């Protein structure tokens, strides 16, 4: 059953920047050689523009092969049924497209989804019959794509922004995710949990996807025999940018991971017999790779560990007698560590008391010119307020001058029963966002009290504080695109103003000064 499209709506979208992170093959003889192509190469894909336009549609539900009759195609592999060029903007708590129990081949492509629930929901369809390609998901409060008990589904070239989860897969075999790009961001209504999340799955292939600003980029629980390769995971804010738990025989290679605000780049928990190689992991708040409790018989080699801030080293091996090794046993080559002294082994943190006995003198298959990495003394990478544990405390009585930021995190004490208003003017900086977060919650699980993204250079919102205590103020600039990993200069000024008024209130004003941002926090009290 489905509702026939009602209305023609032309729409044109901007170009999408994707990433190409080299090939993911391994040739031991070339591990120290510089690649001829940049490790992180920007490529411009064709704009998402459809001359035929979209047509409005209500929810579509298909529960048997007979329901395909209204769609073009014959249901064969060569001529699948097609759901295409439809626009779904729904407030009902229903999937925009729900397909259950079918056996025919079908393609869902070039559709737009903005819903209060799921975008696409597949359940118990026949093996190797579904392809989801070239769709756009924007602000879906549950998930962009959900696949359950459906094997060998292919998901490719989809883009999404502000979805709770980009792609969720459960109890499925042989799922293929390739060339998808999802940006999580922050929502005041729901958490942006994972770029993609798998539970109880086998033999999935996750290649050349981009997941930016989610709690986790790639998450797998109770899974086995995955290939996770050539993905880019940026600006995550929970335990692992790539987080594997209770899984087995997982291969994680040639991924680019930048800036986990809260924790580790790659984290394995109770995950065994897995390979982590040829990844580049940069500027994570804790470890580049963390092998947690129960992680056994894993091999970690030929990775680039750059400026990760774990305790004692850039990697963790947490337990004795787990037989994890930090080098390639065939080539006797380990990993590149930006903090290695140049002689001897490299000590790995944790109770395993292990080492990388063969640290590499040069980076693997790339140079500093190939990667996103600031390179001067005023880099945001070198600032102290990128991470939760290093949030800089601000007050209403001091002025602070900082230089550059992709993400800046402040801690401020606010009083119950008082109203605050935030005004932001971003006259020379695009994409500025500012959020107030309850500090009682782990930063990755945002309890966002107020905030938003500047539109046309301005942002204003008012909120009431219901309990005394510390709150995080998170300020960042255009994390939607990877180039935000490069620092942008700005100045930040915090001042306190007392005004005579007849009501409680407060305000934070932020205005651009020169090439930067001036942020002022003001508090007003009752007239006495």
Protein backbone atom coordinates (compact mmCIF):
# COMPACT_ATOMS: atom_id res chain seq x y z
CA UNK A 1 0.00 0.00 0.00
CA UNK A 2 1.32 3.42 -0.87
CA UNK A 3 0.16 6.95 -1.50
CA UNK A 4 0.63 8.26 -5.02
CA UNK A 5 2.98 11.25 -5.29
CA UNK A 6 1.11 14.52 -5.05
CA UNK A 7 3.28 17.33 -6.13
CA UNK A 8 6.33 18.21 -8.21
CA UNK A 9 9.15 19.86 -6.27
CA UNK A 10 12.39 20.72 -8.02
CA UNK A 11 15.39 20.72 -5.76
CA UNK A 12 19.12 21.25 -6.24
CA UNK A 13 21.75 20.32 -3.73
CA UNK A 14 25.32 21.45 -3.36
CA UNK A 15 28.35 19.39 -4.17
CA UNK A 16 29.40 16.83 -1.62
CA UNK A 17 33.03 16.38 -0.70
CA UNK A 18 34.01 12.79 -0.19
CA UNK A 19 37.29 11.15 0.58
CA UNK A 20 39.55 8.69 -1.12
CA UNK A 21 42.00 7.04 1.22
CA UNK A 22 44.11 5.02 -1.10
CA UNK A 23 43.74 1.33 -1.74
CA UNK A 24 43.56 -1.03 1.17
CA UNK A 25 45.78 -3.77 -0.16
CA UNK A 26 48.89 -4.68 1.80
CA UNK A 27 52.28 -5.16 0.24
CA UNK A 28 54.90 -5.66 2.98
CA UNK A 29 57.70 -4.53 0.71
CA UNK A 30 56.08 -1.09 0.33
CA UNK A 31 55.17 -0.36 3.91
CA UNK A 32 57.79 2.33 4.35
CA UNK A 33 57.59 3.82 0.89
CA UNK A 34 55.81 7.07 0.18
CA UNK A 35 52.68 6.67 -1.85
CA UNK A 36 52.50 8.40 -5.21
CA UNK A 37 48.95 9.55 -4.45
CA UNK A 38 47.95 11.59 -1.39
CA UNK A 39 46.63 9.44 1.43
CA UNK A 40 43.68 11.77 1.88
CA UNK A 41 42.73 13.01 -1.54
CA UNK A 42 39.83 15.40 -2.02
CA UNK A 43 37.58 14.56 -4.96
CA UNK A 44 34.60 16.56 -6.10
CA UNK A 45 31.58 14.44 -6.87
CA UNK A 46 28.84 15.62 -9.25
CA UNK A 47 26.25 17.86 -7.58
CA UNK A 48 23.10 16.19 -6.29
CA UNK A 49 20.80 17.86 -8.78
CA UNK A 50 17.90 16.21 -10.56
CA UNK A 51 16.46 17.99 -13.55
CA UNK A 52 13.27 15.93 -13.30
CA UNK A 53 12.73 17.09 -9.69
CA UNK A 54 11.06 15.28 -6.84
CA UNK A 55 7.44 14.44 -6.20
CA UNK A 56 5.88 14.61 -2.75
CA UNK A 57 4.91 11.27 -1.27
CA UNK A 58 3.26 9.95 1.84
CA UNK A 59 4.53 6.79 3.58
CA UNK A 60 5.00 3.72 1.40
CA UNK A 61 4.42 0.25 2.87
CA UNK A 62 5.13 -2.92 0.89
CA UNK A 63 4.35 -6.22 2.62
CA UNK A 64 4.20 -8.66 -0.33
CA UNK A 65 5.35 -8.96 -3.92
CA UNK A 66 1.87 -7.97 -5.10
CA UNK A 67 2.39 -4.47 -3.72
CA UNK A 68 5.09 -3.77 -6.29
CA UNK A 69 2.55 -3.42 -9.08
CA UNK A 70 2.39 0.39 -8.87
CA UNK A 71 6.13 0.82 -9.43
CA UNK A 72 8.19 0.65 -12.64
CA UNK A 73 10.33 -2.42 -13.25
CA UNK A 74 9.76 -6.18 -13.41
CA UNK A 75 11.45 -7.29 -10.18
CA UNK A 76 14.41 -9.09 -11.78
CA UNK A 77 18.06 -8.42 -11.07
CA UNK A 78 18.38 -6.78 -14.50
CA UNK A 79 15.16 -4.74 -14.16
CA UNK A 80 14.38 -4.22 -10.45
CA UNK A 81 11.30 -2.45 -9.20
CA UNK A 82 12.21 1.21 -8.63
CA UNK A 83 11.21 3.70 -5.98
CA UNK A 84 12.83 6.91 -7.11
CA UNK A 85 12.67 10.71 -7.17
CA UNK A 86 10.24 10.95 -4.25
CA UNK A 87 10.26 13.55 -1.49
CA UNK A 88 9.30 12.40 2.00
CA UNK A 89 8.79 15.08 4.63
CA UNK A 90 6.77 13.34 7.32
CA UNK A 91 5.73 13.99 10.92
CA UNK A 92 4.04 10.62 11.48
CA UNK A 93 5.89 8.01 13.57
CA UNK A 94 6.07 5.74 10.52
CA UNK A 95 8.92 4.79 8.21
CA UNK A 96 8.84 6.74 4.97
CA UNK A 97 9.43 3.46 3.11
CA UNK A 98 8.78 0.09 4.79
CA UNK A 99 9.42 -3.16 2.88
CA UNK A 100 8.76 -6.49 4.56
CA UNK A 101 8.82 -10.09 3.34
CA UNK A 102 9.32 -9.53 -0.37
CA UNK A 103 11.27 -11.72 -2.81
CA UNK A 104 11.61 -9.41 -5.84
CA UNK A 105 14.61 -7.26 -6.69
CA UNK A 106 14.19 -3.54 -6.01
CA UNK A 107 16.10 -0.28 -6.02
CA UNK A 108 15.43 2.77 -3.83
CA UNK A 109 17.26 5.74 -5.33
CA UNK A 110 17.33 9.52 -5.62
CA UNK A 111 14.78 10.11 -2.85
CA UNK A 112 14.80 12.71 -0.08
CA UNK A 113 13.89 11.76 3.51
CA UNK A 114 13.11 14.11 6.37
CA UNK A 115 10.96 12.29 8.90
CA UNK A 116 10.11 12.05 12.58
CA UNK A 117 11.05 8.37 12.48
CA UNK A 118 12.90 6.04 10.10
CA UNK A 119 13.68 6.89 6.50
CA UNK A 120 13.93 3.38 4.97
CA UNK A 121 13.04 0.18 6.86
CA UNK A 122 13.77 -3.28 5.42
CA UNK A 123 12.76 -6.45 7.25
CA UNK A 124 13.07 -10.10 6.21
CA UNK A 125 13.44 -9.55 2.49
CA UNK A 126 14.94 -12.20 0.21
CA UNK A 127 18.71 -12.46 -0.10
CA UNK A 128 20.53 -10.14 -2.47
CA UNK A 129 17.42 -8.34 -3.71
CA UNK A 130 17.81 -4.79 -2.32
CA UNK A 131 19.91 -1.79 -3.32
CA UNK A 132 19.65 1.61 -1.63
CA UNK A 133 21.58 4.26 -3.55
CA UNK A 134 21.94 8.00 -4.07
CA UNK A 135 19.40 9.09 -1.46
CA UNK A 136 19.50 12.05 0.91
CA UNK A 137 18.56 11.82 4.59
CA UNK A 138 18.10 14.99 6.60
CA UNK A 139 17.19 15.13 10.29
CA UNK A 140 15.51 11.73 10.66
CA UNK A 141 14.79 11.43 14.37
CA UNK A 142 15.34 7.67 14.50
CA UNK A 143 17.50 6.27 11.66
CA UNK A 144 18.17 7.07 8.06
CA UNK A 145 18.28 3.41 6.97
CA UNK A 146 17.34 0.30 9.01
CA UNK A 147 18.05 -3.25 7.77
CA UNK A 148 16.94 -6.23 9.90
CA UNK A 149 16.98 -9.96 9.03
CA UNK A 150 17.86 -9.09 5.43
CA UNK A 151 20.98 -10.49 3.79
CA UNK A 152 23.29 -9.08 1.10
CA UNK A 153 21.75 -5.61 0.96
CA UNK A 154 23.85 -3.01 -0.84
CA UNK A 155 23.85 0.61 0.42
CA UNK A 156 25.88 3.06 -1.64
CA UNK A 157 26.34 6.76 -2.41
CA UNK A 158 23.81 7.99 0.17
CA UNK A 159 24.27 11.19 2.15
CA UNK A 160 22.76 12.30 5.42
CA UNK A 161 22.81 15.12 7.95
CA UNK A 162 21.53 15.29 11.52
CA UNK A 163 20.16 11.74 11.58
CA UNK A 164 20.05 9.87 14.90
CA UNK A 165 21.81 6.92 13.24
CA UNK A 166 22.84 6.99 9.62
CA UNK A 167 22.64 3.26 8.83
CA UNK A 168 21.55 0.60 11.33
CA UNK A 169 21.87 -3.13 10.55
CA UNK A 170 20.85 -6.10 12.73
CA UNK A 171 20.75 -9.88 12.29
CA UNK A 172 21.95 -9.68 8.70
CA UNK A 173 24.70 -11.25 6.59
CA UNK A 174 26.78 -9.75 3.81
CA UNK A 175 25.69 -6.11 4.03
CA UNK A 176 27.73 -3.79 1.82
CA UNK A 177 28.14 -0.10 2.68
CA UNK A 178 30.19 1.85 0.18
CA UNK A 179 30.68 5.56 -0.56
CA UNK A 180 28.12 6.84 1.93
CA UNK A 181 28.60 10.14 3.78
CA UNK A 182 26.72 11.02 6.98
CA UNK A 183 27.13 14.06 9.21
CA UNK A 184 25.60 13.79 12.68
CA UNK A 185 25.91 17.19 14.31
CA UNK A 186 23.94 18.05 17.44
CA UNK A 187 20.18 18.01 17.83
CA UNK A 188 18.20 19.51 20.69
CA UNK A 189 15.63 16.72 20.37
CA UNK A 190 17.64 13.49 20.10
CA UNK A 191 21.12 12.02 20.16
CA UNK A 192 23.16 11.52 17.01
CA UNK A 193 24.39 8.13 18.13
CA UNK A 194 26.28 6.32 15.33
CA UNK A 195 27.19 6.92 11.73
CA UNK A 196 26.55 3.22 11.26
CA UNK A 197 25.75 0.57 13.85
CA UNK A 198 25.73 -3.24 13.42
CA UNK A 199 24.47 -5.85 15.90
CA UNK A 200 24.51 -9.64 15.43
CA UNK A 201 25.79 -9.46 11.85
CA UNK A 202 28.33 -11.36 9.77
CA UNK A 203 30.52 -10.72 6.73
CA UNK A 204 29.73 -7.04 6.30
CA UNK A 205 31.83 -4.83 4.05
CA UNK A 206 32.17 -1.15 5.03
CA UNK A 207 34.34 0.70 2.53
CA UNK A 208 35.04 4.33 1.67
CA UNK A 209 32.35 5.90 3.86
CA UNK A 210 32.54 9.17 5.78
CA UNK A 211 31.02 9.57 9.25
CA UNK A 212 31.43 12.98 10.84
CA UNK A 213 30.37 14.29 14.26
CA UNK A 214 28.48 11.33 15.71
CA UNK A 215 28.93 9.80 19.14
CA UNK A 216 30.49 6.81 17.35
CA UNK A 217 31.44 6.59 13.70
CA UNK A 218 31.33 2.82 13.12
CA UNK A 219 29.93 0.53 15.82
CA UNK A 220 29.65 -3.27 15.81
CA UNK A 221 28.43 -5.55 18.61
CA UNK A 222 28.28 -9.36 18.47
CA UNK A 223 29.54 -9.37 14.89
CA UNK A 224 32.13 -11.37 12.95
CA UNK A 225 34.25 -11.30 9.80
CA UNK A 226 33.85 -7.64 8.83
CA UNK A 227 36.05 -5.65 6.45
CA UNK A 228 36.16 -2.02 7.59
CA UNK A 229 38.43 -0.21 5.14
CA UNK A 230 39.15 3.21 3.62
CA UNK A 231 36.62 5.01 5.81
CA UNK A 232 36.98 8.52 7.21
CA UNK A 233 35.69 9.08 10.76
CA UNK A 234 35.89 12.60 12.16
CA UNK A 235 34.96 14.50 15.30
CA UNK A 236 33.34 11.72 17.31
CA UNK A 237 32.51 12.10 20.98
CA UNK A 238 32.19 8.73 22.70
CA UNK A 239 34.27 5.62 23.50
CA UNK A 240 35.56 4.81 20.02
CA UNK A 241 35.44 6.42 16.58
CA UNK A 242 35.45 2.78 15.45
CA UNK A 243 34.11 0.70 18.36
CA UNK A 244 33.96 -3.10 18.19
CA UNK A 245 32.56 -5.08 21.10
CA UNK A 246 31.88 -8.80 21.59
CA UNK A 247 33.03 -9.45 18.03
CA UNK A 248 35.47 -11.76 16.23
CA UNK A 249 37.69 -11.79 13.14
CA UNK A 250 37.27 -8.13 12.28
CA UNK A 251 39.63 -6.38 9.85
CA UNK A 252 40.10 -2.63 10.28
CA UNK A 253 42.50 -1.18 7.72
CA UNK A 254 43.34 2.00 5.85
CA UNK A 255 40.88 4.14 7.78
CA UNK A 256 41.47 7.80 8.60
CA UNK A 257 40.36 8.81 12.11
CA UNK A 258 40.59 12.36 13.39
CA UNK A 259 39.63 14.01 16.66
CA UNK A 260 37.63 11.85 19.03
CA UNK A 261 36.65 14.54 21.50
CA UNK A 262 36.06 12.14 24.38
CA UNK A 263 38.00 8.91 24.01
CA UNK A 264 39.76 6.51 21.61
CA UNK A 265 40.20 6.29 17.87
CA UNK A 266 39.73 2.49 17.61
CA UNK A 267 38.46 0.57 20.62
CA UNK A 268 38.06 -3.21 20.95
CA UNK A 269 36.18 -4.66 23.89
CA UNK A 270 35.90 -8.44 24.17
CA UNK A 271 36.82 -8.60 20.50
CA UNK A 272 39.24 -11.30 19.36
CA UNK A 273 41.34 -12.52 16.42
CA UNK A 274 41.15 -9.19 14.66
CA UNK A 275 43.56 -7.14 12.54
CA UNK A 276 44.13 -3.39 12.83
CA UNK A 277 46.55 -2.14 10.19
CA UNK A 278 47.39 0.80 7.90
CA UNK A 279 45.10 3.20 9.73
CA UNK A 280 45.97 6.82 10.47
CA UNK A 281 44.69 8.00 13.84
CA UNK A 282 45.09 11.64 14.81
CA UNK A 283 44.33 13.84 17.83
CA UNK A 284 42.04 11.63 19.88
CA UNK A 285 41.40 12.60 23.50
CA UNK A 286 42.60 9.22 24.76
CA UNK A 287 44.30 6.40 22.87
CA UNK A 288 44.66 5.92 19.15
CA UNK A 289 43.95 2.19 19.64
CA UNK A 290 42.64 0.73 22.91
CA UNK A 291 42.42 -3.03 23.47
CA UNK A 292 40.08 -3.24 26.43
CA UNK A 293 39.04 -6.08 28.75
CA UNK A 294 38.67 -9.42 27.00
CA UNK A 295 40.34 -8.35 23.74
CA UNK A 296 42.56 -11.30 22.77
CA UNK A 297 44.74 -12.49 19.88
CA UNK A 298 44.59 -9.20 18.00
CA UNK A 299 47.34 -7.83 15.76
CA UNK A 300 48.08 -4.11 15.39
CA UNK A 301 50.69 -3.02 12.84
CA UNK A 302 51.61 -0.41 10.24
CA UNK A 303 49.32 2.23 11.74
CA UNK A 304 50.18 5.91 12.05
CA UNK A 305 49.61 7.20 15.60
CA UNK A 306 49.77 10.99 15.55
CA UNK A 307 49.32 13.19 18.62
CA UNK A 308 46.77 11.13 20.51
CA UNK A 309 46.54 11.98 24.19
CA UNK A 310 46.32 8.68 26.06
CA UNK A 311 47.89 8.30 29.49
CA UNK A 312 51.50 7.27 29.07
CA UNK A 313 51.38 6.41 25.38
CA UNK A 314 49.15 6.57 22.31
CA UNK A 315 47.83 3.00 22.70
CA UNK A 316 46.42 0.76 25.42
CA UNK A 317 46.59 -3.00 25.99
CA UNK A 318 44.64 -3.45 29.19
CA UNK A 319 45.10 -7.06 30.36
CA UNK A 320 47.81 -9.68 30.86
CA UNK A 321 48.10 -12.85 28.84
CA UNK A 322 45.82 -11.78 26.03
CA UNK A 323 48.33 -12.46 23.26
CA UNK A 324 47.83 -9.18 21.43
CA UNK A 325 50.83 -8.15 19.33
CA UNK A 326 51.75 -4.70 18.08
CA UNK A 327 53.80 -5.58 15.00
CA UNK A 328 53.67 -7.64 11.82
CA UNK A 329 55.26 -10.97 12.67
CA UNK A 330 56.26 -11.58 9.04
CA UNK A 331 58.02 -8.29 8.32
CA UNK A 332 59.02 -7.51 11.90
CA UNK A 333 57.64 -4.01 11.45
CA UNK A 334 55.41 -2.26 13.96
CA UNK A 335 53.68 1.11 13.91
CA UNK A 336 54.62 4.76 13.50
CA UNK A 337 54.39 6.75 16.75
CA UNK A 338 54.73 10.53 16.65
CA UNK A 339 56.11 10.52 20.22
CA UNK A 340 58.67 7.75 19.76
CA UNK A 341 62.18 8.87 20.64
CA UNK A 342 63.83 7.21 17.64
CA UNK A 343 65.63 4.43 19.49
CA UNK A 344 64.52 1.22 21.16
CA UNK A 345 60.98 -0.05 21.49
CA UNK A 346 57.72 1.80 22.15
CA UNK A 347 55.89 1.06 25.39
CA UNK A 348 52.15 0.42 25.25
CA UNK A 349 50.08 1.58 28.25
CA UNK A 350 48.05 -0.91 30.27
CA UNK A 351 48.35 -3.98 32.49
CA UNK A 352 49.56 -6.14 29.60
CA UNK A 353 52.96 -4.39 29.96
CA UNK A 354 53.56 -4.89 26.27
CA UNK A 355 55.62 -3.05 23.67
CA UNK A 356 55.92 -2.36 19.99
CA UNK A 357 59.42 -3.80 19.50
CA UNK A 358 59.74 -2.53 15.92
CA UNK A 359 58.47 1.07 15.79
CA UNK A 360 58.71 2.67 12.37
CA UNK A 361 60.90 5.69 11.69
CA UNK A 362 58.64 7.07 8.97
CA UNK A 363 54.90 7.20 8.49
CA UNK A 364 53.21 4.45 6.53
CA UNK A 365 52.30 5.32 2.94
CA UNK A 366 51.97 9.04 3.53
CA UNK A 367 53.79 12.21 4.51
CA UNK A 368 52.76 15.13 6.67
CA UNK A 369 51.70 16.98 3.53
CA UNK A 370 49.08 14.35 2.80
CA UNK A 371 47.06 14.55 5.99
CA UNK A 372 44.88 16.97 7.87
CA UNK A 373 47.19 18.17 10.61
CA UNK A 374 47.86 21.71 11.85
CA UNK A 375 51.50 22.67 11.74
CA UNK A 376 52.15 25.79 13.79
CA UNK A 377 52.29 26.81 17.42
CA UNK A 378 48.78 28.29 17.47
CA UNK A 379 47.02 25.17 16.25
CA UNK A 380 43.79 24.09 17.87
CA UNK A 381 45.41 20.66 18.00
CA UNK A 382 47.74 22.09 20.65
CA UNK A 383 45.08 23.88 22.69
CA UNK A 384 43.95 22.45 25.98
CA UNK A 385 40.17 22.84 25.66
CA UNK A 386 39.34 20.40 22.89
CA UNK A 387 38.39 17.60 25.26
CA UNK A 388 36.03 17.12 28.16
CA UNK A 389 38.70 16.50 30.75
CA UNK A 390 40.52 19.68 29.70
CA UNK A 391 37.56 22.03 29.36
CA UNK A 392 38.59 25.57 30.25
CA UNK A 393 36.56 27.12 33.06
CA UNK A 394 35.05 30.49 32.24
CA UNK A 395 33.27 32.96 34.47
CA UNK A 396 31.25 36.10 34.03
CA UNK A 397 34.11 38.23 35.34
CA UNK A 398 37.12 37.55 33.12
CA UNK A 399 38.18 38.07 29.53
CA UNK A 400 39.98 35.25 27.68
CA UNK A 401 41.94 35.48 24.45
CA UNK A 402 42.40 32.25 22.49
CA UNK A 403 43.65 31.48 19.03
CA UNK A 404 42.08 29.08 16.53
CA UNK A 405 39.59 26.27 17.10
CA UNK A 406 37.68 23.55 15.37
CA UNK A 407 36.06 22.62 18.69
CA UNK A 408 36.33 24.62 21.90
CA UNK A 409 34.85 23.35 25.16
CA UNK A 410 34.28 25.57 28.18
CA UNK A 411 32.96 24.91 31.66
CA UNK A 412 30.75 27.52 33.32
CA UNK A 413 28.83 27.62 36.59
CA UNK A 414 25.21 28.77 36.29
CA UNK A 415 22.51 29.34 38.88
CA UNK A 416 19.07 27.75 39.09
CA UNK A 417 15.98 29.75 38.34
CA UNK A 418 17.70 32.26 36.09
CA UNK A 419 17.18 32.83 32.39
CA UNK A 420 20.02 33.28 29.94
CA UNK A 421 19.96 34.43 26.36
CA UNK A 422 22.70 33.68 23.85
CA UNK A 423 23.17 35.98 20.88
CA UNK A 424 25.80 35.13 18.28
CA UNK A 425 26.81 37.19 15.28
CA UNK A 426 29.13 35.44 12.84
CA UNK A 427 29.71 38.16 10.29
CA UNK A 428 32.98 36.74 8.96
CA UNK A 429 32.80 33.10 10.06
CA UNK A 430 30.40 30.63 8.46
CA UNK A 431 28.93 27.58 10.13
CA UNK A 432 29.43 28.62 13.77
CA UNK A 433 27.46 26.56 16.28
CA UNK A 434 27.15 26.94 20.03
CA UNK A 435 25.47 24.58 22.54
CA UNK A 436 24.94 24.46 26.29
CA UNK A 437 25.30 20.93 27.72
CA UNK A 438 24.61 19.50 31.17
CA UNK A 439 28.01 18.55 32.59
CA UNK A 440 26.47 15.74 34.64
CA UNK A 441 26.32 13.62 31.47
CA UNK A 442 29.20 12.05 29.61
CA UNK A 443 30.05 14.44 26.81
CA UNK A 444 29.34 11.78 24.20
CA UNK A 445 25.76 11.42 25.41
CA UNK A 446 24.82 15.03 25.06
CA UNK A 447 22.09 16.42 27.24
CA UNK A 448 21.72 19.56 25.13
CA UNK A 449 19.80 22.27 26.93
CA UNK A 450 19.95 24.97 24.29
CA UNK A 451 21.82 25.93 21.19
CA UNK A 452 21.87 25.84 17.44
CA UNK A 453 23.60 26.85 14.24
CA UNK A 454 23.92 30.40 13.10
CA UNK A 455 21.72 31.29 10.14
CA UNK A 456 22.57 34.26 7.99
CA UNK A 457 25.27 35.14 10.45
CA UNK A 458 23.08 35.29 13.56
CA UNK A 459 21.99 32.97 16.36
CA UNK A 460 19.83 33.73 19.39
CA UNK A 461 18.24 31.49 21.96
CA UNK A 462 16.97 31.79 25.52
CA UNK A 463 17.03 29.09 28.17
CA UNK A 464 16.29 28.65 31.86
CA UNK A 465 18.68 26.93 34.25
CA UNK A 466 16.80 24.57 36.56
CA UNK A 467 19.65 23.48 38.82
CA UNK A 468 22.82 25.03 40.15
CA UNK A 469 26.04 23.64 38.80
CA UNK A 470 28.59 23.44 36.02
CA UNK A 471 27.61 23.34 32.37
CA UNK A 472 29.65 22.86 29.20
CA UNK A 473 29.57 25.49 26.49
CA UNK A 474 30.57 23.85 23.19
CA UNK A 475 31.56 26.17 20.35
CA UNK A 476 32.61 24.89 16.94
CA UNK A 477 32.84 26.05 13.40
CA UNK A 478 31.55 24.08 10.41
CA UNK A 479 32.36 20.50 11.39
CA UNK A 480 30.17 19.28 8.57
CA UNK A 481 33.11 19.31 6.19
CA UNK A 482 36.47 17.71 6.71
CA UNK A 483 38.38 20.94 6.13
CA UNK A 484 37.28 22.08 9.57
CA UNK A 485 40.00 19.80 10.90
CA UNK A 486 42.27 22.65 9.79
CA UNK A 487 42.28 25.45 12.38
CA UNK A 488 40.57 28.79 11.84
CA UNK A 489 41.80 31.79 13.86
CA UNK A 490 39.37 33.45 16.22
CA UNK A 491 39.38 35.50 19.40
CA UNK A 492 37.09 34.74 22.33
CA UNK A 493 36.29 37.36 24.94
CA UNK A 494 34.19 36.57 28.00
CA UNK A 495 32.97 39.50 30.08
CA UNK A 496 30.40 40.01 32.83
CA UNK A 497 27.92 42.83 32.92
CA UNK A 498 25.52 43.76 35.69
CA UNK A 499 22.45 45.66 34.67
CA UNK A 500 19.59 47.06 36.71
CA UNK A 501 16.41 45.36 35.58
CA UNK A 502 13.09 44.23 36.98
CA UNK A 503 13.49 40.56 36.22
CA UNK A 504 15.99 37.78 36.30
CA UNK A 505 17.87 37.14 33.13
CA UNK A 506 21.15 36.77 31.42
CA UNK A 507 22.77 36.90 28.07
CA UNK A 508 25.72 35.69 26.12
CA UNK A 509 26.67 37.86 23.18
CA UNK A 510 29.10 36.73 20.54
CA UNK A 511 30.21 39.09 17.79
CA UNK A 512 32.93 38.86 15.21
CA UNK A 513 35.92 41.13 15.77
CA UNK A 514 38.27 41.30 12.84
CA UNK A 515 38.88 37.73 11.68
CA UNK A 516 37.67 36.25 14.91
CA UNK A 517 34.80 35.83 17.33
CA UNK A 518 34.15 37.79 20.51
CA UNK A 519 31.89 35.95 22.95
CA UNK A 520 30.51 37.84 25.96
CA UNK A 521 28.63 36.23 28.85
CA UNK A 522 26.40 38.62 30.76
CA UNK A 523 24.25 38.17 33.86
CA UNK A 524 21.43 40.42 35.04
CA UNK A 525 19.83 40.47 38.47
CA UNK A 526 16.65 41.75 40.05
CA UNK A 527 16.25 45.44 40.68
CA UNK A 528 16.86 46.23 44.32
